[in-house]
Amino acid sequence: MRQDLVEAVRNPRGFGHGAYISGMNIAGKTGTAELKLKKGEDGLENGWFIEFDASLKQLLLTMMIEDVKKRGGSGYVVAKAKKIFLKYGKTNDLVNTWLCSQRLRKSHFSLFLSRK
């Protein structure tokens, strides 16, 4: 399963490819939650993405953004997650375990970093 999640990011046709960073072995899974009262109705969509460093096992990111229907669905979330991974994913200055949880304009994310 781990290799399938790596391929979802590494493969240009994978749904998580927008999170690909050269030199990192990132694995990820996208998803969309449709929010509506009845089947067939138009409703809101929340997009989510979870990614982790499949080689170093020091970084795990989960992100959910509300109302992504007209912003690219889960692909919108993947692009936001990549920015966070670029900022924190290559740091060697990690102290024990750090959790960052934040809410910014209808987005929620949790970032877990740990030293081996």
PDB file of N, CA and C in Angstrom:
ATOM      1  N   MET A   1       0.821  -1.176   0.000  1.00  0.00           N
ATOM      2  CA  MET A   1       0.000   0.000   0.000  1.00  0.00           C
ATOM      3  C   MET A   1       0.880   1.260   0.000  1.00  0.00           C
ATOM      4  N   ARG A   2       1.981   1.224   0.754  1.00  0.00           N
ATOM      5  CA  ARG A   2       2.873   2.390   0.802  1.00  0.00           C
ATOM      6  C   ARG A   2       3.340   2.765  -0.604  1.00  0.00           C
ATOM      7  N   GLN A   3       3.723   1.763  -1.397  1.00  0.00           N
ATOM      8  CA  GLN A   3       4.210   2.048  -2.744  1.00  0.00           C
ATOM      9  C   GLN A   3       3.109   2.653  -3.617  1.00  0.00           C
ATOM     10  N   ASP A   4       1.882   2.217  -3.448  1.00  0.00           N
ATOM     11  CA  ASP A   4       0.760   2.800  -4.195  1.00  0.00           C
ATOM     12  C   ASP A   4       0.583   4.279  -3.845  1.00  0.00           C
ATOM     13  N   LEU A   5       0.749   4.617  -2.569  1.00  0.00           N
ATOM     14  CA  LEU A   5       0.626   6.009  -2.133  1.00  0.00           C
ATOM     15  C   LEU A   5       1.790   6.860  -2.643  1.00  0.00           C
ATOM     16  N   VAL A   6       2.976   6.263  -2.744  1.00  0.00           N
ATOM     17  CA  VAL A   6       4.122   6.963  -3.331  1.00  0.00           C
ATOM     18  C   VAL A   6       3.845   7.231  -4.805  1.00  0.00           C
ATOM     19  N   GLU A   7       3.327   6.233  -5.514  1.00  0.00           N
ATOM     20  CA  GLU A   7       3.024   6.382  -6.942  1.00  0.00           C
ATOM     21  C   GLU A   7       1.943   7.435  -7.192  1.00  0.00           C
ATOM     22  N   ALA A   8       1.002   7.580  -6.271  1.00  0.00           N
ATOM     23  CA  ALA A   8      -0.058   8.590  -6.420  1.00  0.00           C
ATOM     24  C   ALA A   8       0.529   9.996  -6.470  1.00  0.00           C
ATOM     25  N   VAL A   9       1.704  10.175  -5.867  1.00  0.00           N
ATOM     26  CA  VAL A   9       2.383  11.473  -5.884  1.00  0.00           C
ATOM     27  C   VAL A   9       3.438  11.520  -6.986  1.00  0.00           C
ATOM     28  N   ARG A  10       4.216  10.474  -7.139  1.00  0.00           N
ATOM     29  CA  ARG A  10       5.329  10.464  -8.104  1.00  0.00           C
ATOM     30  C   ARG A  10       4.842  10.454  -9.557  1.00  0.00           C
ATOM     31  N   ASN A  11       3.808   9.695  -9.846  1.00  0.00           N
ATOM     32  CA  ASN A  11       3.308   9.534 -11.209  1.00  0.00           C
ATOM     33  C   ASN A  11       2.586  10.809 -11.674  1.00  0.00           C
ATOM     34  N   PRO A  12       2.975  11.363 -12.831  1.00  0.00           N
ATOM     35  CA  PRO A  12       2.317  12.582 -13.327  1.00  0.00           C
ATOM     36  C   PRO A  12       0.806  12.442 -13.504  1.00  0.00           C
ATOM     37  N   ARG A  13       0.300  11.217 -13.615  1.00  0.00           N
ATOM     38  CA  ARG A  13      -1.149  11.010 -13.738  1.00  0.00           C
ATOM     39  C   ARG A  13      -1.811  10.748 -12.389  1.00  0.00           C
ATOM     40  N   GLY A  14      -1.030  10.717 -11.317  1.00  0.00           N
ATOM     41  CA  GLY A  14      -1.577  10.468  -9.983  1.00  0.00           C
ATOM     42  C   GLY A  14      -2.311  11.682  -9.438  1.00  0.00           C
ATOM     43  N   PHE A  15      -3.356  11.446  -8.663  1.00  0.00           N
ATOM     44  CA  PHE A  15      -4.149  12.545  -8.121  1.00  0.00           C
ATOM     45  C   PHE A  15      -3.353  13.426  -7.166  1.00  0.00           C
ATOM     46  N   GLY A  16      -2.321  12.887  -6.555  1.00  0.00           N
ATOM     47  CA  GLY A  16      -1.509  13.655  -5.622  1.00  0.00           C
ATOM     48  C   GLY A  16      -0.231  14.217  -6.227  1.00  0.00           C
ATOM     49  N   HIS A  17      -0.085  14.142  -7.547  1.00  0.00           N
ATOM     50  CA  HIS A  17       1.166  14.554  -8.190  1.00  0.00           C
ATOM     51  C   HIS A  17       1.520  16.014  -7.933  1.00  0.00           C
ATOM     52  N   GLY A  18       0.551  16.831  -7.683  1.00  0.00           N
ATOM     53  CA  GLY A  18       0.822  18.242  -7.391  1.00  0.00           C
ATOM     54  C   GLY A  18       1.686  18.431  -6.157  1.00  0.00           C
ATOM     55  N   ALA A  19       1.837  17.396  -5.332  1.00  0.00           N
ATOM     56  CA  ALA A  19       2.666  17.463  -4.129  1.00  0.00           C
ATOM     57  C   ALA A  19       4.075  16.929  -4.370  1.00  0.00           C
ATOM     58  N   TYR A  20       4.369  16.506  -5.589  1.00  0.00           N
ATOM     59  CA  TYR A  20       5.680  15.929  -5.889  1.00  0.00           C
ATOM     60  C   TYR A  20       6.782  16.952  -5.655  1.00  0.00           C
ATOM     61  N   ILE A  21       7.834  16.528  -4.942  1.00  0.00           N
ATOM     62  CA  ILE A  21       9.022  17.348  -4.706  1.00  0.00           C
ATOM     63  C   ILE A  21      10.226  16.484  -5.048  1.00  0.00           C
ATOM     64  N   SER A  22      10.995  16.918  -6.021  1.00  0.00           N
ATOM     65  CA  SER A  22      12.182  16.173  -6.439  1.00  0.00           C
ATOM     66  C   SER A  22      13.117  15.971  -5.248  1.00  0.00           C
ATOM     67  N   GLY A  23      13.622  14.749  -5.108  1.00  0.00           N
ATOM     68  CA  GLY A  23      14.536  14.440  -4.023  1.00  0.00           C
ATOM     69  C   GLY A  23      13.864  13.947  -2.757  1.00  0.00           C
ATOM     70  N   MET A  24      12.546  13.959  -2.721  1.00  0.00           N
ATOM     71  CA  MET A  24      11.811  13.445  -1.568  1.00  0.00           C
ATOM     72  C   MET A  24      10.928  12.291  -2.013  1.00  0.00           C
ATOM     73  N   ASN A  25      10.711  11.335  -1.151  1.00  0.00           N
ATOM     74  CA  ASN A  25       9.889  10.167  -1.442  1.00  0.00           C
ATOM     75  C   ASN A  25       8.542  10.347  -0.738  1.00  0.00           C
ATOM     76  N   ILE A  26       7.695  11.169  -1.321  1.00  0.00           N
ATOM     77  CA  ILE A  26       6.426  11.544  -0.693  1.00  0.00           C
ATOM     78  C   ILE A  26       5.327  10.576  -1.112  1.00  0.00           C
ATOM     79  N   ALA A  27       4.550  10.158  -0.145  1.00  0.00           N
ATOM     80  CA  ALA A  27       3.375   9.316  -0.377  1.00  0.00           C
ATOM     81  C   ALA A  27       2.153  10.132   0.019  1.00  0.00           C
ATOM     82  N   GLY A  28       1.029   9.944  -0.680  1.00  0.00           N
ATOM     83  CA  GLY A  28      -0.140  10.733  -0.338  1.00  0.00           C
ATOM     84  C   GLY A  28      -1.443  10.158  -0.840  1.00  0.00           C
ATOM     85  N   LYS A  29      -2.523  10.630  -0.246  1.00  0.00           N
ATOM     86  CA  LYS A  29      -3.885  10.223  -0.618  1.00  0.00           C
ATOM     87  C   LYS A  29      -4.790  11.443  -0.591  1.00  0.00           C
ATOM     88  N   THR A  30      -5.513  11.651  -1.679  1.00  0.00           N
ATOM     89  CA  THR A  30      -6.468  12.756  -1.775  1.00  0.00           C
ATOM     90  C   THR A  30      -7.880  12.259  -1.499  1.00  0.00           C
ATOM     91  N   GLY A  31      -8.783  13.184  -1.266  1.00  0.00           N
ATOM     92  CA  GLY A  31     -10.185  12.826  -1.103  1.00  0.00           C
ATOM     93  C   GLY A  31     -11.075  14.046  -1.141  1.00  0.00           C
ATOM     94  N   THR A  32     -12.345  13.803  -1.399  1.00  0.00           N
ATOM     95  CA  THR A  32     -13.341  14.868  -1.422  1.00  0.00           C
ATOM     96  C   THR A  32     -14.577  14.380  -0.686  1.00  0.00           C
ATOM     97  N   ALA A  33     -15.081  15.216   0.201  1.00  0.00           N
ATOM     98  CA  ALA A  33     -16.329  14.901   0.913  1.00  0.00           C
ATOM     99  C   ALA A  33     -17.423  15.827   0.392  1.00  0.00           C
ATOM    100  N   GLU A  34     -18.482  15.238  -0.142  1.00  0.00           N
ATOM    101  CA  GLU A  34     -19.609  16.018  -0.635  1.00  0.00           C
ATOM    102  C   GLU A  34     -20.605  16.226   0.499  1.00  0.00           C
ATOM    103  N   LEU A  35     -21.026  17.466   0.670  1.00  0.00           N
ATOM    104  CA  LEU A  35     -21.961  17.815   1.741  1.00  0.00           C
ATOM    105  C   LEU A  35     -23.274  18.289   1.120  1.00  0.00           C
ATOM    106  N   LYS A  36     -24.302  17.460   1.229  1.00  0.00           N
ATOM    107  CA  LYS A  36     -25.612  17.827   0.692  1.00  0.00           C
ATOM    108  C   LYS A  36     -26.697  17.102   1.459  1.00  0.00           C
ATOM    109  N   LEU A  37     -27.897  17.653   1.414  1.00  0.00           N
ATOM    110  CA  LEU A  37     -29.003  17.073   2.154  1.00  0.00           C
ATOM    111  C   LEU A  37     -29.590  15.845   1.473  1.00  0.00           C
ATOM    112  N   LYS A  38     -29.628  15.859   0.120  1.00  0.00           N
ATOM    113  CA  LYS A  38     -30.214  14.749  -0.624  1.00  0.00           C
ATOM    114  C   LYS A  38     -29.332  14.380  -1.806  1.00  0.00           C
ATOM    115  N   LYS A  39     -29.375  13.117  -2.178  1.00  0.00           N
ATOM    116  CA  LYS A  39     -28.649  12.647  -3.351  1.00  0.00           C
ATOM    117  C   LYS A  39     -29.134  13.408  -4.576  1.00  0.00           C
ATOM    118  N   GLY A  40     -28.211  13.801  -5.430  1.00  0.00           N
ATOM    119  CA  GLY A  40     -28.566  14.517  -6.644  1.00  0.00           C
ATOM    120  C   GLY A  40     -28.590  16.028  -6.479  1.00  0.00           C
ATOM    121  N   GLU A  41     -28.569  16.511  -5.248  1.00  0.00           N
ATOM    122  CA  GLU A  41     -28.542  17.953  -5.002  1.00  0.00           C
ATOM    123  C   GLU A  41     -27.129  18.494  -5.184  1.00  0.00           C
ATOM    124  N   ASP A  42     -27.073  19.781  -5.459  1.00  0.00           N
ATOM    125  CA  ASP A  42     -25.785  20.460  -5.493  1.00  0.00           C
ATOM    126  C   ASP A  42     -25.422  20.814  -4.051  1.00  0.00           C
ATOM    127  N   GLY A  43     -24.189  20.626  -3.684  1.00  0.00           N
ATOM    128  CA  GLY A  43     -23.780  20.917  -2.320  1.00  0.00           C
ATOM    129  C   GLY A  43     -22.343  21.392  -2.252  1.00  0.00           C
ATOM    130  N   LEU A  44     -21.860  21.547  -1.058  1.00  0.00           N
ATOM    131  CA  LEU A  44     -20.474  21.950  -0.846  1.00  0.00           C
ATOM    132  C   LEU A  44     -19.558  20.730  -0.927  1.00  0.00           C
ATOM    133  N   GLU A  45     -18.282  20.993  -1.171  1.00  0.00           N
ATOM    134  CA  GLU A  45     -17.287  19.931  -1.164  1.00  0.00           C
ATOM    135  C   GLU A  45     -16.117  20.352  -0.290  1.00  0.00           C
ATOM    136  N   ASN A  46     -15.714  19.457   0.565  1.00  0.00           N
ATOM    137  CA  ASN A  46     -14.503  19.649   1.348  1.00  0.00           C
ATOM    138  C   ASN A  46     -13.431  18.746   0.746  1.00  0.00           C
ATOM    139  N   GLY A  47     -12.267  19.305   0.513  1.00  0.00           N
ATOM    140  CA  GLY A  47     -11.167  18.528  -0.033  1.00  0.00           C
ATOM    141  C   GLY A  47     -10.165  18.219   1.062  1.00  0.00           C
ATOM    142  N   TRP A  48      -9.513  17.067   0.953  1.00  0.00           N
ATOM    143  CA  TRP A  48      -8.506  16.718   1.947  1.00  0.00           C
ATOM    144  C   TRP A  48      -7.330  16.022   1.278  1.00  0.00           C
ATOM    145  N   PHE A  49      -6.214  16.041   1.980  1.00  0.00           N
ATOM    146  CA  PHE A  49      -5.005  15.381   1.508  1.00  0.00           C
ATOM    147  C   PHE A  49      -4.178  15.001   2.722  1.00  0.00           C
ATOM    148  N   ILE A  50      -3.651  13.801   2.691  1.00  0.00           N
ATOM    149  CA  ILE A  50      -2.711  13.362   3.713  1.00  0.00           C
ATOM    150  C   ILE A  50      -1.452  12.929   2.983  1.00  0.00           C
ATOM    151  N   GLU A  51      -0.293  13.378   3.487  1.00  0.00           N
ATOM    152  CA  GLU A  51       0.964  12.991   2.866  1.00  0.00           C
ATOM    153  C   GLU A  51       2.008  12.752   3.943  1.00  0.00           C
ATOM    154  N   PHE A  52       2.973  11.901   3.584  1.00  0.00           N
ATOM    155  CA  PHE A  52       4.063  11.620   4.508  1.00  0.00           C
ATOM    156  C   PHE A  52       5.323  11.306   3.722  1.00  0.00           C
ATOM    157  N   ASP A  53       6.457  11.472   4.387  1.00  0.00           N
ATOM    158  CA  ASP A  53       7.745  11.155   3.800  1.00  0.00           C
ATOM    159  C   ASP A  53       7.947   9.647   3.949  1.00  0.00           C
ATOM    160  N   ALA A  54       7.866   8.917   2.855  1.00  0.00           N
ATOM    161  CA  ALA A  54       7.907   7.453   2.897  1.00  0.00           C
ATOM    162  C   ALA A  54       9.309   6.903   3.172  1.00  0.00           C
ATOM    163  N   SER A  55      10.333   7.718   3.032  1.00  0.00           N
ATOM    164  CA  SER A  55      11.696   7.258   3.282  1.00  0.00           C
ATOM    165  C   SER A  55      12.167   7.573   4.698  1.00  0.00           C
ATOM    166  N   LEU A  56      11.990   8.807   5.107  1.00  0.00           N
ATOM    167  CA  LEU A  56      12.535   9.244   6.385  1.00  0.00           C
ATOM    168  C   LEU A  56      11.574   9.077   7.553  1.00  0.00           C
ATOM    169  N   LYS A  57      10.302   8.979   7.264  1.00  0.00           N
ATOM    170  CA  LYS A  57       9.264   8.800   8.289  1.00  0.00           C
ATOM    171  C   LYS A  57       9.336   9.875   9.378  1.00  0.00           C
ATOM    172  N   GLN A  58       9.693  11.091   8.992  1.00  0.00           N
ATOM    173  CA  GLN A  58       9.781  12.149   9.991  1.00  0.00           C
ATOM    174  C   GLN A  58       8.710  13.218   9.804  1.00  0.00           C
ATOM    175  N   LEU A  59       7.909  13.092   8.782  1.00  0.00           N
ATOM    176  CA  LEU A  59       6.930  14.140   8.518  1.00  0.00           C
ATOM    177  C   LEU A  59       5.619  13.531   8.038  1.00  0.00           C
ATOM    178  N   LEU A  60       4.530  13.972   8.653  1.00  0.00           N
ATOM    179  CA  LEU A  60       3.184  13.578   8.260  1.00  0.00           C
ATOM    180  C   LEU A  60       2.334  14.832   8.252  1.00  0.00           C
ATOM    181  N   LEU A  61       1.599  15.050   7.187  1.00  0.00           N
ATOM    182  CA  LEU A  61       0.739  16.225   7.072  1.00  0.00           C
ATOM    183  C   LEU A  61      -0.665  15.788   6.707  1.00  0.00           C
ATOM    184  N   THR A  62      -1.641  16.273   7.438  1.00  0.00           N
ATOM    185  CA  THR A  62      -3.043  16.092   7.050  1.00  0.00           C
ATOM    186  C   THR A  62      -3.620  17.481   6.846  1.00  0.00           C
ATOM    187  N   MET A  63      -4.413  17.636   5.803  1.00  0.00           N
ATOM    188  CA  MET A  63      -5.006  18.943   5.517  1.00  0.00           C
ATOM    189  C   MET A  63      -6.404  18.756   4.960  1.00  0.00           C
ATOM    190  N   MET A  64      -7.334  19.587   5.429  1.00  0.00           N
ATOM    191  CA  MET A  64      -8.697  19.616   4.919  1.00  0.00           C
ATOM    192  C   MET A  64      -9.059  21.074   4.685  1.00  0.00           C
ATOM    193  N   ILE A  65      -9.627  21.359   3.523  1.00  0.00           N
ATOM    194  CA  ILE A  65     -10.074  22.709   3.199  1.00  0.00           C
ATOM    195  C   ILE A  65     -11.540  22.635   2.805  1.00  0.00           C
ATOM    196  N   GLU A  66     -12.321  23.505   3.411  1.00  0.00           N
ATOM    197  CA  GLU A  66     -13.756  23.567   3.135  1.00  0.00           C
ATOM    198  C   GLU A  66     -14.019  24.274   1.807  1.00  0.00           C
ATOM    199  N   ASP A  67     -15.113  23.900   1.168  1.00  0.00           N
ATOM    200  CA  ASP A  67     -15.644  24.584  -0.007  1.00  0.00           C
ATOM    201  C   ASP A  67     -14.626  24.688  -1.151  1.00  0.00           C
ATOM    202  N   VAL A  68     -14.181  23.543  -1.654  1.00  0.00           N
ATOM    203  CA  VAL A  68     -13.180  23.515  -2.722  1.00  0.00           C
ATOM    204  C   VAL A  68     -13.777  23.239  -4.103  1.00  0.00           C
ATOM    205  N   LYS A  69     -15.080  23.127  -4.167  1.00  0.00           N
ATOM    206  CA  LYS A  69     -15.742  22.715  -5.404  1.00  0.00           C
ATOM    207  C   LYS A  69     -15.342  23.564  -6.616  1.00  0.00           C
ATOM    208  N   LYS A  70     -15.311  24.857  -6.459  1.00  0.00           N
ATOM    209  CA  LYS A  70     -14.990  25.743  -7.589  1.00  0.00           C
ATOM    210  C   LYS A  70     -13.534  26.197  -7.554  1.00  0.00           C
ATOM    211  N   ARG A  71     -12.703  25.516  -6.739  1.00  0.00           N
ATOM    212  CA  ARG A  71     -11.291  25.885  -6.626  1.00  0.00           C
ATOM    213  C   ARG A  71     -10.371  24.729  -7.007  1.00  0.00           C
ATOM    214  N   GLY A  72     -10.916  23.692  -7.595  1.00  0.00           N
ATOM    215  CA  GLY A  72     -10.077  22.586  -8.052  1.00  0.00           C
ATOM    216  C   GLY A  72     -10.177  21.325  -7.212  1.00  0.00           C
ATOM    217  N   GLY A  73     -11.146  21.273  -6.300  1.00  0.00           N
ATOM    218  CA  GLY A  73     -11.341  20.069  -5.501  1.00  0.00           C
ATOM    219  C   GLY A  73     -10.136  19.758  -4.642  1.00  0.00           C
ATOM    220  N   SER A  74      -9.827  18.474  -4.505  1.00  0.00           N
ATOM    221  CA  SER A  74      -8.707  18.075  -3.653  1.00  0.00           C
ATOM    222  C   SER A  74      -7.367  18.537  -4.238  1.00  0.00           C
ATOM    223  N   GLY A  75      -7.318  18.819  -5.532  1.00  0.00           N
ATOM    224  CA  GLY A  75      -6.091  19.355  -6.137  1.00  0.00           C
ATOM    225  C   GLY A  75      -5.690  20.690  -5.529  1.00  0.00           C
ATOM    226  N   TYR A  76      -6.670  21.466  -5.122  1.00  0.00           N
ATOM    227  CA  TYR A  76      -6.409  22.743  -4.442  1.00  0.00           C
ATOM    228  C   TYR A  76      -5.711  22.493  -3.108  1.00  0.00           C
ATOM    229  N   VAL A  77      -6.146  21.457  -2.420  1.00  0.00           N
ATOM    230  CA  VAL A  77      -5.561  21.101  -1.122  1.00  0.00           C
ATOM    231  C   VAL A  77      -4.132  20.593  -1.314  1.00  0.00           C
ATOM    232  N   VAL A  78      -3.916  19.786  -2.344  1.00  0.00           N
ATOM    233  CA  VAL A  78      -2.589  19.240  -2.633  1.00  0.00           C
ATOM    234  C   VAL A  78      -1.581  20.379  -2.832  1.00  0.00           C
ATOM    235  N   ALA A  79      -1.964  21.404  -3.579  1.00  0.00           N
ATOM    236  CA  ALA A  79      -1.065  22.540  -3.836  1.00  0.00           C
ATOM    237  C   ALA A  79      -0.706  23.261  -2.540  1.00  0.00           C
ATOM    238  N   LYS A  80      -1.668  23.437  -1.651  1.00  0.00           N
ATOM    239  CA  LYS A  80      -1.411  24.084  -0.354  1.00  0.00           C
ATOM    240  C   LYS A  80      -0.494  23.208   0.504  1.00  0.00           C
ATOM    241  N   ALA A  81      -0.735  21.904   0.492  1.00  0.00           N
ATOM    242  CA  ALA A  81       0.055  20.983   1.297  1.00  0.00           C
ATOM    243  C   ALA A  81       1.511  20.969   0.829  1.00  0.00           C
ATOM    244  N   LYS A  82       1.720  21.056  -0.469  1.00  0.00           N
ATOM    245  CA  LYS A  82       3.090  21.057  -1.000  1.00  0.00           C
ATOM    246  C   LYS A  82       3.892  22.217  -0.425  1.00  0.00           C
ATOM    247  N   LYS A  83       3.271  23.389  -0.304  1.00  0.00           N
ATOM    248  CA  LYS A  83       3.970  24.555   0.237  1.00  0.00           C
ATOM    249  C   LYS A  83       4.436  24.295   1.670  1.00  0.00           C
ATOM    250  N   ILE A  84       3.610  23.626   2.453  1.00  0.00           N
ATOM    251  CA  ILE A  84       3.975  23.326   3.840  1.00  0.00           C
ATOM    252  C   ILE A  84       5.106  22.300   3.877  1.00  0.00           C
ATOM    253  N   PHE A  85       5.020  21.290   3.019  1.00  0.00           N
ATOM    254  CA  PHE A  85       6.066  20.273   2.965  1.00  0.00           C
ATOM    255  C   PHE A  85       7.397  20.891   2.534  1.00  0.00           C
ATOM    256  N   LEU A  86       7.351  21.819   1.590  1.00  0.00           N
ATOM    257  CA  LEU A  86       8.582  22.483   1.151  1.00  0.00           C
ATOM    258  C   LEU A  86       9.213  23.268   2.294  1.00  0.00           C
ATOM    259  N   LYS A  87       8.391  23.863   3.134  1.00  0.00           N
ATOM    260  CA  LYS A  87       8.902  24.668   4.238  1.00  0.00           C
ATOM    261  C   LYS A  87       9.493  23.812   5.355  1.00  0.00           C
ATOM    262  N   TYR A  88       8.831  22.711   5.698  1.00  0.00           N
ATOM    263  CA  TYR A  88       9.232  21.930   6.862  1.00  0.00           C
ATOM    264  C   TYR A  88       9.853  20.570   6.533  1.00  0.00           C
ATOM    265  N   GLY A  89       9.664  20.081   5.345  1.00  0.00           N
ATOM    266  CA  GLY A  89      10.057  18.718   5.019  1.00  0.00           C
ATOM    267  C   GLY A  89      11.535  18.448   4.917  1.00  0.00           C
ATOM    268  N   LYS A  90      12.327  19.456   4.644  1.00  0.00           N
ATOM    269  CA  LYS A  90      13.760  19.227   4.468  1.00  0.00           C
ATOM    270  C   LYS A  90      14.577  19.760   5.636  1.00  0.00           C
ATOM    271  N   THR A  91      13.923  20.173   6.694  1.00  0.00           N
ATOM    272  CA  THR A  91      14.660  20.713   7.834  1.00  0.00           C
ATOM    273  C   THR A  91      15.336  19.603   8.622  1.00  0.00           C
ATOM    274  N   ASN A  92      16.533  19.837   9.062  1.00  0.00           N
ATOM    275  CA  ASN A  92      17.263  18.895   9.898  1.00  0.00           C
ATOM    276  C   ASN A  92      17.236  19.326  11.356  1.00  0.00           C
ATOM    277  N   ASP A  93      16.531  20.387  11.637  1.00  0.00           N
ATOM    278  CA  ASP A  93      16.539  20.979  12.964  1.00  0.00           C
ATOM    279  C   ASP A  93      15.238  20.693  13.705  1.00  0.00           C
ATOM    280  N   LEU A  94      14.827  19.433  13.720  1.00  0.00           N
ATOM    281  CA  LEU A  94      13.572  19.059  14.350  1.00  0.00           C
ATOM    282  C   LEU A  94      13.821  18.677  15.802  1.00  0.00           C
ATOM    283  N   VAL A  95      12.977  19.112  16.673  1.00  0.00           N
ATOM    284  CA  VAL A  95      13.128  18.811  18.094  1.00  0.00           C
ATOM    285  C   VAL A  95      12.001  17.900  18.535  1.00  0.00           C
ATOM    286  N   ASN A  96      12.355  16.660  18.927  1.00  0.00           N
ATOM    287  CA  ASN A  96      11.395  15.654  19.382  1.00  0.00           C
ATOM    288  C   ASN A  96      10.170  15.610  18.481  1.00  0.00           C
ATOM    289  N   THR A  97       9.001  15.861  19.007  1.00  0.00           N
ATOM    290  CA  THR A  97       7.793  15.838  18.191  1.00  0.00           C
ATOM    291  C   THR A  97       7.116  17.189  18.261  1.00  0.00           C
ATOM    292  N   TRP A  98       6.739  17.701  17.127  1.00  0.00           N
ATOM    293  CA  TRP A  98       6.116  19.013  17.057  1.00  0.00           C
ATOM    294  C   TRP A  98       4.798  18.892  16.294  1.00  0.00           C
ATOM    295  N   LEU A  99       3.769  19.478  16.831  1.00  0.00           N
ATOM    296  CA  LEU A  99       2.456  19.454  16.181  1.00  0.00           C
ATOM    297  C   LEU A  99       2.025  20.885  15.961  1.00  0.00           C
ATOM    298  N   CYS A 100       1.640  21.168  14.753  1.00  0.00           N
ATOM    299  CA  CYS A 100       1.118  22.492  14.436  1.00  0.00           C
ATOM    300  C   CYS A 100      -0.293  22.295  13.896  1.00  0.00           C
ATOM    301  N   SER A 101      -1.258  22.887  14.544  1.00  0.00           N
ATOM    302  CA  SER A 101      -2.639  22.815  14.085  1.00  0.00           C
ATOM    303  C   SER A 101      -3.109  24.243  13.882  1.00  0.00           C
ATOM    304  N   GLN A 102      -3.687  24.508  12.757  1.00  0.00           N
ATOM    305  CA  GLN A 102      -4.027  25.884  12.439  1.00  0.00           C
ATOM    306  C   GLN A 102      -5.312  25.931  11.615  1.00  0.00           C
ATOM    307  N   ARG A 103      -6.037  27.012  11.752  1.00  0.00           N
ATOM    308  CA  ARG A 103      -7.220  27.235  10.931  1.00  0.00           C
ATOM    309  C   ARG A 103      -7.063  28.585  10.262  1.00  0.00           C
ATOM    310  N   LEU A 104      -6.992  28.588   8.955  1.00  0.00           N
ATOM    311  CA  LEU A 104      -6.847  29.808   8.177  1.00  0.00           C
ATOM    312  C   LEU A 104      -7.833  29.761   7.021  1.00  0.00           C
ATOM    313  N   ARG A 105      -8.711  30.699   6.951  1.00  0.00           N
ATOM    314  CA  ARG A 105      -9.682  30.820   5.857  1.00  0.00           C
ATOM    315  C   ARG A 105     -10.204  29.458   5.381  1.00  0.00           C
ATOM    316  N   LYS A 106     -10.932  28.819   6.237  1.00  0.00           N
ATOM    317  CA  LYS A 106     -11.590  27.555   5.929  1.00  0.00           C
ATOM    318  C   LYS A 106     -10.609  26.419   5.630  1.00  0.00           C
ATOM    319  N   SER A 107      -9.414  26.478   6.164  1.00  0.00           N
ATOM    320  CA  SER A 107      -8.493  25.358   5.982  1.00  0.00           C
ATOM    321  C   SER A 107      -8.023  24.882   7.349  1.00  0.00           C
ATOM    322  N   HIS A 108      -7.836  23.606   7.453  1.00  0.00           N
ATOM    323  CA  HIS A 108      -7.403  22.985   8.699  1.00  0.00           C
ATOM    324  C   HIS A 108      -6.236  22.079   8.359  1.00  0.00           C
ATOM    325  N   PHE A 109      -5.160  22.185   9.115  1.00  0.00           N
ATOM    326  CA  PHE A 109      -4.094  21.233   8.881  1.00  0.00           C
ATOM    327  C   PHE A 109      -3.390  20.878  10.175  1.00  0.00           C
ATOM    328  N   SER A 110      -2.851  19.698  10.178  1.00  0.00           N
ATOM    329  CA  SER A 110      -2.024  19.228  11.283  1.00  0.00           C
ATOM    330  C   SER A 110      -0.727  18.730  10.677  1.00  0.00           C
ATOM    331  N   LEU A 111       0.359  19.154  11.263  1.00  0.00           N
ATOM    332  CA  LEU A 111       1.668  18.792  10.768  1.00  0.00           C
ATOM    333  C   LEU A 111       2.442  18.152  11.903  1.00  0.00           C
ATOM    334  N   PHE A 112       2.929  16.967  11.677  1.00  0.00           N
ATOM    335  CA  PHE A 112       3.677  16.224  12.693  1.00  0.00           C
ATOM    336  C   PHE A 112       5.106  16.047  12.202  1.00  0.00           C
ATOM    337  N   LEU A 113       6.055  16.528  12.967  1.00  0.00           N
ATOM    338  CA  LEU A 113       7.462  16.339  12.656  1.00  0.00           C
ATOM    339  C   LEU A 113       8.097  15.599  13.808  1.00  0.00           C
ATOM    340  N   SER A 114       8.979  14.670  13.540  1.00  0.00           N
ATOM    341  CA  SER A 114       9.657  13.998  14.632  1.00  0.00           C
ATOM    342  C   SER A 114      11.070  13.625  14.243  1.00  0.00           C
ATOM    343  N   ARG A 115      11.951  13.644  15.208  1.00  0.00           N
ATOM    344  CA  ARG A 115      13.334  13.232  14.990  1.00  0.00           C
ATOM    345  C   ARG A 115      13.383  11.728  15.209  1.00  0.00           C
ATOM    346  N   LYS A 116      14.151  11.020  14.393  1.00  0.00           N
ATOM    347  CA  LYS A 116      14.289   9.568  14.542  1.00  0.00           C
ATOM    348  C   LYS A 116      14.951   9.235  15.847  1.00  0.00           C
TER     349      LYS A 116
END
